[in-house]
Amino acid sequence: MAFTYDLELERIIAEIKRSKAKKVCIQLPDGLKTKATTLVDKIKSKTKADIHIWIGSNFGACDVPQQLSKLKFDLIINFGHSKI
């Protein structure tokens, strides 16, 4: 399945490798959640990270759930509409 938009997968993979992240959370807006398994498969094929998808609601970069800090992720990747 090909993506019709640029999710910057190579940038994500490079950051996971650069930071040596072992436990990564990806937060997607509802419209991209159907692509989650494809996204995880592509990232896992190039890194050794344990990838988790946050399935709760996501209303942008300012909406990082408080619960994530308790789960001790090494890296949180948030897909939103604007750069921050």
PDB file of N, CA and C in Angstrom:
ATOM      1  N   MET A   1       0.850  -1.174   0.000  1.00  0.00           N
ATOM      2  CA  MET A   1       0.000   0.000   0.000  1.00  0.00           C
ATOM      3  C   MET A   1       0.898   1.241   0.000  1.00  0.00           C
ATOM      4  N   ALA A   2       0.730   2.091  -0.965  1.00  0.00           N
ATOM      5  CA  ALA A   2       1.543   3.301  -1.062  1.00  0.00           C
ATOM      6  C   ALA A   2       0.827   4.467  -0.384  1.00  0.00           C
ATOM      7  N   PHE A   3       1.611   5.297   0.274  1.00  0.00           N
ATOM      8  CA  PHE A   3       1.064   6.509   0.871  1.00  0.00           C
ATOM      9  C   PHE A   3       0.973   7.581  -0.204  1.00  0.00           C
ATOM     10  N   THR A   4      -0.070   8.388  -0.165  1.00  0.00           N
ATOM     11  CA  THR A   4      -0.208   9.473  -1.131  1.00  0.00           C
ATOM     12  C   THR A   4       0.260  10.793  -0.538  1.00  0.00           C
ATOM     13  N   TYR A   5       0.857  10.745   0.628  1.00  0.00           N
ATOM     14  CA  TYR A   5       1.365  11.936   1.299  1.00  0.00           C
ATOM     15  C   TYR A   5       2.683  11.565   1.951  1.00  0.00           C
ATOM     16  N   ASP A   6       3.476  12.554   2.254  1.00  0.00           N
ATOM     17  CA  ASP A   6       4.814  12.320   2.791  1.00  0.00           C
ATOM     18  C   ASP A   6       4.779  12.310   4.311  1.00  0.00           C
ATOM     19  N   LEU A   7       4.982  11.141   4.900  1.00  0.00           N
ATOM     20  CA  LEU A   7       5.030  11.025   6.354  1.00  0.00           C
ATOM     21  C   LEU A   7       6.466  11.119   6.869  1.00  0.00           C
ATOM     22  N   GLU A   8       7.387  11.412   5.986  1.00  0.00           N
ATOM     23  CA  GLU A   8       8.800  11.590   6.335  1.00  0.00           C
ATOM     24  C   GLU A   8       9.355  10.369   7.075  1.00  0.00           C
ATOM     25  N   LEU A   9       9.072   9.192   6.537  1.00  0.00           N
ATOM     26  CA  LEU A   9       9.513   7.957   7.179  1.00  0.00           C
ATOM     27  C   LEU A   9      11.025   7.892   7.342  1.00  0.00           C
ATOM     28  N   GLU A  10      11.761   8.328   6.340  1.00  0.00           N
ATOM     29  CA  GLU A  10      13.224   8.283   6.448  1.00  0.00           C
ATOM     30  C   GLU A  10      13.713   9.188   7.576  1.00  0.00           C
ATOM     31  N   ARG A  11      13.067  10.316   7.753  1.00  0.00           N
ATOM     32  CA  ARG A  11      13.423  11.221   8.855  1.00  0.00           C
ATOM     33  C   ARG A  11      13.119  10.567  10.209  1.00  0.00           C
ATOM     34  N   ILE A  12      11.986   9.894  10.305  1.00  0.00           N
ATOM     35  CA  ILE A  12      11.606   9.199  11.538  1.00  0.00           C
ATOM     36  C   ILE A  12      12.611   8.087  11.846  1.00  0.00           C
ATOM     37  N   ILE A  13      12.926   7.300  10.841  1.00  0.00           N
ATOM     38  CA  ILE A  13      13.881   6.206  11.017  1.00  0.00           C
ATOM     39  C   ILE A  13      15.241   6.745  11.440  1.00  0.00           C
ATOM     40  N   ALA A  14      15.676   7.823  10.802  1.00  0.00           N
ATOM     41  CA  ALA A  14      16.965   8.433  11.154  1.00  0.00           C
ATOM     42  C   ALA A  14      16.966   8.930  12.600  1.00  0.00           C
ATOM     43  N   GLU A  15      15.866   9.521  13.049  1.00  0.00           N
ATOM     44  CA  GLU A  15      15.791  10.029  14.427  1.00  0.00           C
ATOM     45  C   GLU A  15      15.779   8.883  15.441  1.00  0.00           C
ATOM     46  N   ILE A  16      15.084   7.816  15.130  1.00  0.00           N
ATOM     47  CA  ILE A  16      15.078   6.652  16.024  1.00  0.00           C
ATOM     48  C   ILE A  16      16.495   6.104  16.161  1.00  0.00           C
ATOM     49  N   LYS A  17      17.193   5.997  15.043  1.00  0.00           N
ATOM     50  CA  LYS A  17      18.572   5.496  15.077  1.00  0.00           C
ATOM     51  C   LYS A  17      19.496   6.475  15.791  1.00  0.00           C
ATOM     52  N   ARG A  18      19.366   7.773  15.490  1.00  0.00           N
ATOM     53  CA  ARG A  18      20.236   8.783  16.086  1.00  0.00           C
ATOM     54  C   ARG A  18      20.085   8.813  17.603  1.00  0.00           C
ATOM     55  N   SER A  19      18.836   8.753  18.059  1.00  0.00           N
ATOM     56  CA  SER A  19      18.568   8.841  19.497  1.00  0.00           C
ATOM     57  C   SER A  19      18.694   7.490  20.214  1.00  0.00           C
ATOM     58  N   LYS A  20      18.883   6.426  19.427  1.00  0.00           N
ATOM     59  CA  LYS A  20      18.981   5.064  19.976  1.00  0.00           C
ATOM     60  C   LYS A  20      17.739   4.698  20.794  1.00  0.00           C
ATOM     61  N   ALA A  21      16.600   5.194  20.329  1.00  0.00           N
ATOM     62  CA  ALA A  21      15.328   4.933  21.013  1.00  0.00           C
ATOM     63  C   ALA A  21      14.965   3.457  20.900  1.00  0.00           C
ATOM     64  N   LYS A  22      14.600   2.886  22.017  1.00  0.00           N
ATOM     65  CA  LYS A  22      14.180   1.481  22.056  1.00  0.00           C
ATOM     66  C   LYS A  22      12.661   1.346  22.133  1.00  0.00           C
ATOM     67  N   LYS A  23      12.018   2.333  22.754  1.00  0.00           N
ATOM     68  CA  LYS A  23      10.564   2.305  22.943  1.00  0.00           C
ATOM     69  C   LYS A  23      10.000   3.612  22.389  1.00  0.00           C
ATOM     70  N   VAL A  24       9.231   3.502  21.305  1.00  0.00           N
ATOM     71  CA  VAL A  24       8.749   4.668  20.568  1.00  0.00           C
ATOM     72  C   VAL A  24       7.225   4.651  20.508  1.00  0.00           C
ATOM     73  N   CYS A  25       6.630   5.813  20.748  1.00  0.00           N
ATOM     74  CA  CYS A  25       5.185   5.972  20.606  1.00  0.00           C
ATOM     75  C   CYS A  25       4.910   6.886  19.417  1.00  0.00           C
ATOM     76  N   ILE A  26       3.996   6.466  18.567  1.00  0.00           N
ATOM     77  CA  ILE A  26       3.581   7.288  17.435  1.00  0.00           C
ATOM     78  C   ILE A  26       2.135   7.686  17.661  1.00  0.00           C
ATOM     79  N   GLN A  27       1.903   8.983  17.609  1.00  0.00           N
ATOM     80  CA  GLN A  27       0.567   9.541  17.817  1.00  0.00           C
ATOM     81  C   GLN A  27       0.069  10.049  16.470  1.00  0.00           C
ATOM     82  N   LEU A  28      -1.036   9.492  16.006  1.00  0.00           N
ATOM     83  CA  LEU A  28      -1.592   9.819  14.698  1.00  0.00           C
ATOM     84  C   LEU A  28      -2.968  10.453  14.820  1.00  0.00           C
ATOM     85  N   PRO A  29      -3.293  11.373  13.915  1.00  0.00           N
ATOM     86  CA  PRO A  29      -4.674  11.853  13.870  1.00  0.00           C
ATOM     87  C   PRO A  29      -5.576  10.722  13.363  1.00  0.00           C
ATOM     88  N   ASP A  30      -6.840  10.809  13.666  1.00  0.00           N
ATOM     89  CA  ASP A  30      -7.781   9.740  13.321  1.00  0.00           C
ATOM     90  C   ASP A  30      -7.723   9.347  11.844  1.00  0.00           C
ATOM     91  N   GLY A  31      -7.549  10.304  10.964  1.00  0.00           N
ATOM     92  CA  GLY A  31      -7.526  10.025   9.527  1.00  0.00           C
ATOM     93  C   GLY A  31      -6.352   9.186   9.071  1.00  0.00           C
ATOM     94  N   LEU A  32      -5.297   9.094   9.875  1.00  0.00           N
ATOM     95  CA  LEU A  32      -4.124   8.293   9.514  1.00  0.00           C
ATOM     96  C   LEU A  32      -4.052   6.965  10.263  1.00  0.00           C
ATOM     97  N   LYS A  33      -4.942   6.744  11.192  1.00  0.00           N
ATOM     98  CA  LYS A  33      -4.865   5.518  12.000  1.00  0.00           C
ATOM     99  C   LYS A  33      -5.035   4.252  11.166  1.00  0.00           C
ATOM    100  N   THR A  34      -5.720   4.338  10.040  1.00  0.00           N
ATOM    101  CA  THR A  34      -5.858   3.163   9.176  1.00  0.00           C
ATOM    102  C   THR A  34      -4.523   2.774   8.545  1.00  0.00           C
ATOM    103  N   LYS A  35      -3.556   3.668   8.544  1.00  0.00           N
ATOM    104  CA  LYS A  35      -2.222   3.412   7.982  1.00  0.00           C
ATOM    105  C   LYS A  35      -1.230   2.960   9.050  1.00  0.00           C
ATOM    106  N   ALA A  36      -1.676   2.834  10.293  1.00  0.00           N
ATOM    107  CA  ALA A  36      -0.769   2.580  11.420  1.00  0.00           C
ATOM    108  C   ALA A  36       0.048   1.305  11.249  1.00  0.00           C
ATOM    109  N   THR A  37      -0.576   0.202  10.864  1.00  0.00           N
ATOM    110  CA  THR A  37       0.184  -1.047  10.765  1.00  0.00           C
ATOM    111  C   THR A  37       1.226  -0.984   9.658  1.00  0.00           C
ATOM    112  N   THR A  38       0.894  -0.346   8.553  1.00  0.00           N
ATOM    113  CA  THR A  38       1.864  -0.177   7.471  1.00  0.00           C
ATOM    114  C   THR A  38       3.024   0.684   7.935  1.00  0.00           C
ATOM    115  N   LEU A  39       2.719   1.748   8.640  1.00  0.00           N
ATOM    116  CA  LEU A  39       3.744   2.649   9.170  1.00  0.00           C
ATOM    117  C   LEU A  39       4.662   1.908  10.139  1.00  0.00           C
ATOM    118  N   VAL A  40       4.081   1.156  11.052  1.00  0.00           N
ATOM    119  CA  VAL A  40       4.866   0.390  12.028  1.00  0.00           C
ATOM    120  C   VAL A  40       5.752  -0.631  11.316  1.00  0.00           C
ATOM    121  N   ASP A  41       5.202  -1.347  10.353  1.00  0.00           N
ATOM    122  CA  ASP A  41       5.982  -2.352   9.627  1.00  0.00           C
ATOM    123  C   ASP A  41       7.183  -1.733   8.923  1.00  0.00           C
ATOM    124  N   LYS A  42       6.984  -0.586   8.306  1.00  0.00           N
ATOM    125  CA  LYS A  42       8.082   0.076   7.593  1.00  0.00           C
ATOM    126  C   LYS A  42       9.167   0.548   8.558  1.00  0.00           C
ATOM    127  N   ILE A  43       8.769   1.078   9.698  1.00  0.00           N
ATOM    128  CA  ILE A  43       9.746   1.555  10.682  1.00  0.00           C
ATOM    129  C   ILE A  43      10.477   0.374  11.315  1.00  0.00           C
ATOM    130  N   LYS A  44       9.746  -0.659  11.685  1.00  0.00           N
ATOM    131  CA  LYS A  44      10.362  -1.831  12.324  1.00  0.00           C
ATOM    132  C   LYS A  44      11.330  -2.544  11.391  1.00  0.00           C
ATOM    133  N   SER A  45      11.062  -2.491  10.092  1.00  0.00           N
ATOM    134  CA  SER A  45      11.946  -3.173   9.150  1.00  0.00           C
ATOM    135  C   SER A  45      13.325  -2.516   9.080  1.00  0.00           C
ATOM    136  N   LYS A  46      13.434  -1.272   9.565  1.00  0.00           N
ATOM    137  CA  LYS A  46      14.706  -0.547   9.483  1.00  0.00           C
ATOM    138  C   LYS A  46      15.280  -0.149  10.836  1.00  0.00           C
ATOM    139  N   THR A  47      14.579  -0.464  11.910  1.00  0.00           N
ATOM    140  CA  THR A  47      15.084  -0.148  13.253  1.00  0.00           C
ATOM    141  C   THR A  47      14.823  -1.347  14.160  1.00  0.00           C
ATOM    142  N   LYS A  48      15.380  -1.294  15.340  1.00  0.00           N
ATOM    143  CA  LYS A  48      15.135  -2.348  16.333  1.00  0.00           C
ATOM    144  C   LYS A  48      14.186  -1.860  17.423  1.00  0.00           C
ATOM    145  N   ALA A  49      13.551  -0.738  17.181  1.00  0.00           N
ATOM    146  CA  ALA A  49      12.686  -0.128  18.194  1.00  0.00           C
ATOM    147  C   ALA A  49      11.372  -0.888  18.349  1.00  0.00           C
ATOM    148  N   ASP A  50      10.855  -0.835  19.557  1.00  0.00           N
ATOM    149  CA  ASP A  50       9.531  -1.359  19.876  1.00  0.00           C
ATOM    150  C   ASP A  50       8.561  -0.206  19.643  1.00  0.00           C
ATOM    151  N   ILE A  51       7.725  -0.311  18.621  1.00  0.00           N
ATOM    152  CA  ILE A  51       6.854   0.787  18.199  1.00  0.00           C
ATOM    153  C   ILE A  51       5.450   0.576  18.751  1.00  0.00           C
ATOM    154  N   HIS A  52       4.902   1.632  19.373  1.00  0.00           N
ATOM    155  CA  HIS A  52       3.544   1.619  19.909  1.00  0.00           C
ATOM    156  C   HIS A  52       2.751   2.729  19.225  1.00  0.00           C
ATOM    157  N   ILE A  53       1.507   2.450  18.902  1.00  0.00           N
ATOM    158  CA  ILE A  53       0.621   3.463  18.323  1.00  0.00           C
ATOM    159  C   ILE A  53      -0.355   3.904  19.403  1.00  0.00           C
ATOM    160  N   TRP A  54      -0.404   5.214  19.642  1.00  0.00           N
ATOM    161  CA  TRP A  54      -1.389   5.776  20.575  1.00  0.00           C
ATOM    162  C   TRP A  54      -2.721   5.805  19.845  1.00  0.00           C
ATOM    163  N   ILE A  55      -3.715   5.059  20.356  1.00  0.00           N
ATOM    164  CA  ILE A  55      -4.997   4.977  19.650  1.00  0.00           C
ATOM    165  C   ILE A  55      -6.025   5.975  20.160  1.00  0.00           C
ATOM    166  N   GLY A  56      -5.669   6.719  21.191  1.00  0.00           N
ATOM    167  CA  GLY A  56      -6.577   7.748  21.688  1.00  0.00           C
ATOM    168  C   GLY A  56      -6.686   8.898  20.694  1.00  0.00           C
ATOM    169  N   SER A  57      -7.567   9.808  20.967  1.00  0.00           N
ATOM    170  CA  SER A  57      -7.748  10.974  20.099  1.00  0.00           C
ATOM    171  C   SER A  57      -6.496  11.830  20.072  1.00  0.00           C
ATOM    172  N   ASN A  58      -6.315  12.519  18.953  1.00  0.00           N
ATOM    173  CA  ASN A  58      -5.163  13.400  18.774  1.00  0.00           C
ATOM    174  C   ASN A  58      -5.642  14.635  18.025  1.00  0.00           C
ATOM    175  N   PHE A  59      -5.533  15.780  18.664  1.00  0.00           N
ATOM    176  CA  PHE A  59      -6.008  17.017  18.050  1.00  0.00           C
ATOM    177  C   PHE A  59      -4.866  17.958  17.707  1.00  0.00           C
ATOM    178  N   GLY A  60      -3.666  17.419  17.536  1.00  0.00           N
ATOM    179  CA  GLY A  60      -2.531  18.240  17.136  1.00  0.00           C
ATOM    180  C   GLY A  60      -1.359  18.098  18.082  1.00  0.00           C
ATOM    181  N   ALA A  61      -0.295  18.813  17.760  1.00  0.00           N
ATOM    182  CA  ALA A  61       0.959  18.701  18.509  1.00  0.00           C
ATOM    183  C   ALA A  61       0.823  19.134  19.965  1.00  0.00           C
ATOM    184  N   CYS A  62      -0.155  19.964  20.257  1.00  0.00           N
ATOM    185  CA  CYS A  62      -0.332  20.419  21.640  1.00  0.00           C
ATOM    186  C   CYS A  62      -1.136  19.412  22.464  1.00  0.00           C
ATOM    187  N   ASP A  63      -1.512  18.291  21.852  1.00  0.00           N
ATOM    188  CA  ASP A  63      -2.381  17.317  22.511  1.00  0.00           C
ATOM    189  C   ASP A  63      -1.634  16.018  22.840  1.00  0.00           C
ATOM    190  N   VAL A  64      -0.472  16.137  23.474  1.00  0.00           N
ATOM    191  CA  VAL A  64       0.265  14.946  23.896  1.00  0.00           C
ATOM    192  C   VAL A  64      -0.336  14.482  25.224  1.00  0.00           C
ATOM    193  N   PRO A  65      -0.861  13.269  25.275  1.00  0.00           N
ATOM    194  CA  PRO A  65      -1.524  12.787  26.490  1.00  0.00           C
ATOM    195  C   PRO A  65      -0.590  12.729  27.691  1.00  0.00           C
ATOM    196  N   GLN A  66      -1.089  13.122  28.836  1.00  0.00           N
ATOM    197  CA  GLN A  66      -0.315  13.096  30.074  1.00  0.00           C
ATOM    198  C   GLN A  66       0.117  11.672  30.433  1.00  0.00           C
ATOM    199  N   GLN A  67      -0.685  10.688  30.058  1.00  0.00           N
ATOM    200  CA  GLN A  67      -0.395   9.299  30.396  1.00  0.00           C
ATOM    201  C   GLN A  67       0.901   8.798  29.768  1.00  0.00           C
ATOM    202  N   LEU A  68       1.323   9.403  28.665  1.00  0.00           N
ATOM    203  CA  LEU A  68       2.509   8.916  27.973  1.00  0.00           C
ATOM    204  C   LEU A  68       3.759   9.000  28.831  1.00  0.00           C
ATOM    205  N   SER A  69       3.847   9.995  29.699  1.00  0.00           N
ATOM    206  CA  SER A  69       5.039  10.125  30.544  1.00  0.00           C
ATOM    207  C   SER A  69       5.175   8.933  31.497  1.00  0.00           C
ATOM    208  N   LYS A  70       4.065   8.357  31.901  1.00  0.00           N
ATOM    209  CA  LYS A  70       4.095   7.206  32.807  1.00  0.00           C
ATOM    210  C   LYS A  70       4.579   5.934  32.109  1.00  0.00           C
ATOM    211  N   LEU A  71       4.478   5.906  30.791  1.00  0.00           N
ATOM    212  CA  LEU A  71       4.846   4.712  30.030  1.00  0.00           C
ATOM    213  C   LEU A  71       6.318   4.694  29.623  1.00  0.00           C
ATOM    214  N   LYS A  72       7.033   5.761  29.924  1.00  0.00           N
ATOM    215  CA  LYS A  72       8.484   5.844  29.742  1.00  0.00           C
ATOM    216  C   LYS A  72       8.956   5.537  28.319  1.00  0.00           C
ATOM    217  N   PHE A  73       8.374   6.238  27.365  1.00  0.00           N
ATOM    218  CA  PHE A  73       8.835   6.119  25.985  1.00  0.00           C
ATOM    219  C   PHE A  73      10.139   6.885  25.823  1.00  0.00           C
ATOM    220  N   ASP A  74      11.024   6.365  24.974  1.00  0.00           N
ATOM    221  CA  ASP A  74      12.267   7.065  24.659  1.00  0.00           C
ATOM    222  C   ASP A  74      12.021   8.185  23.655  1.00  0.00           C
ATOM    223  N   LEU A  75      10.997   8.011  22.831  1.00  0.00           N
ATOM    224  CA  LEU A  75      10.709   8.973  21.769  1.00  0.00           C
ATOM    225  C   LEU A  75       9.212   8.960  21.492  1.00  0.00           C
ATOM    226  N   ILE A  76       8.631  10.145  21.357  1.00  0.00           N
ATOM    227  CA  ILE A  76       7.226  10.287  20.972  1.00  0.00           C
ATOM    228  C   ILE A  76       7.194  11.036  19.653  1.00  0.00           C
ATOM    229  N   ILE A  77       6.547  10.442  18.662  1.00  0.00           N
ATOM    230  CA  ILE A  77       6.416  11.063  17.346  1.00  0.00           C
ATOM    231  C   ILE A  77       4.957  11.432  17.170  1.00  0.00           C
ATOM    232  N   ASN A  78       4.710  12.711  16.973  1.00  0.00           N
ATOM    233  CA  ASN A  78       3.353  13.224  16.850  1.00  0.00           C
ATOM    234  C   ASN A  78       3.145  13.731  15.436  1.00  0.00           C
ATOM    235  N   PHE A  79       2.151  13.195  14.750  1.00  0.00           N
ATOM    236  CA  PHE A  79       1.794  13.689  13.426  1.00  0.00           C
ATOM    237  C   PHE A  79       0.682  14.708  13.590  1.00  0.00           C
ATOM    238  N   GLY A  80       0.913  15.905  13.078  1.00  0.00           N
ATOM    239  CA  GLY A  80      -0.079  16.964  13.161  1.00  0.00           C
ATOM    240  C   GLY A  80      -0.099  17.770  11.878  1.00  0.00           C
ATOM    241  N   HIS A  81      -0.742  18.913  11.928  1.00  0.00           N
ATOM    242  CA  HIS A  81      -0.908  19.741  10.741  1.00  0.00           C
ATOM    243  C   HIS A  81       0.209  20.745  10.532  1.00  0.00           C
ATOM    244  N   SER A  82       0.886  21.124  11.585  1.00  0.00           N
ATOM    245  CA  SER A  82       1.888  22.184  11.486  1.00  0.00           C
ATOM    246  C   SER A  82       3.191  21.760  12.133  1.00  0.00           C
ATOM    247  N   LYS A  83       4.281  22.348  11.671  1.00  0.00           N
ATOM    248  CA  LYS A  83       5.582  22.105  12.291  1.00  0.00           C
ATOM    249  C   LYS A  83       5.636  22.813  13.628  1.00  0.00           C
ATOM    250  N   ILE A  84       6.337  22.192  14.591  1.00  0.00           N
ATOM    251  CA  ILE A  84       6.570  22.866  15.870  1.00  0.00           C
ATOM    252  C   ILE A  84       8.038  22.802  16.208  1.00  0.00           C
TER     253      ILE A  84
END
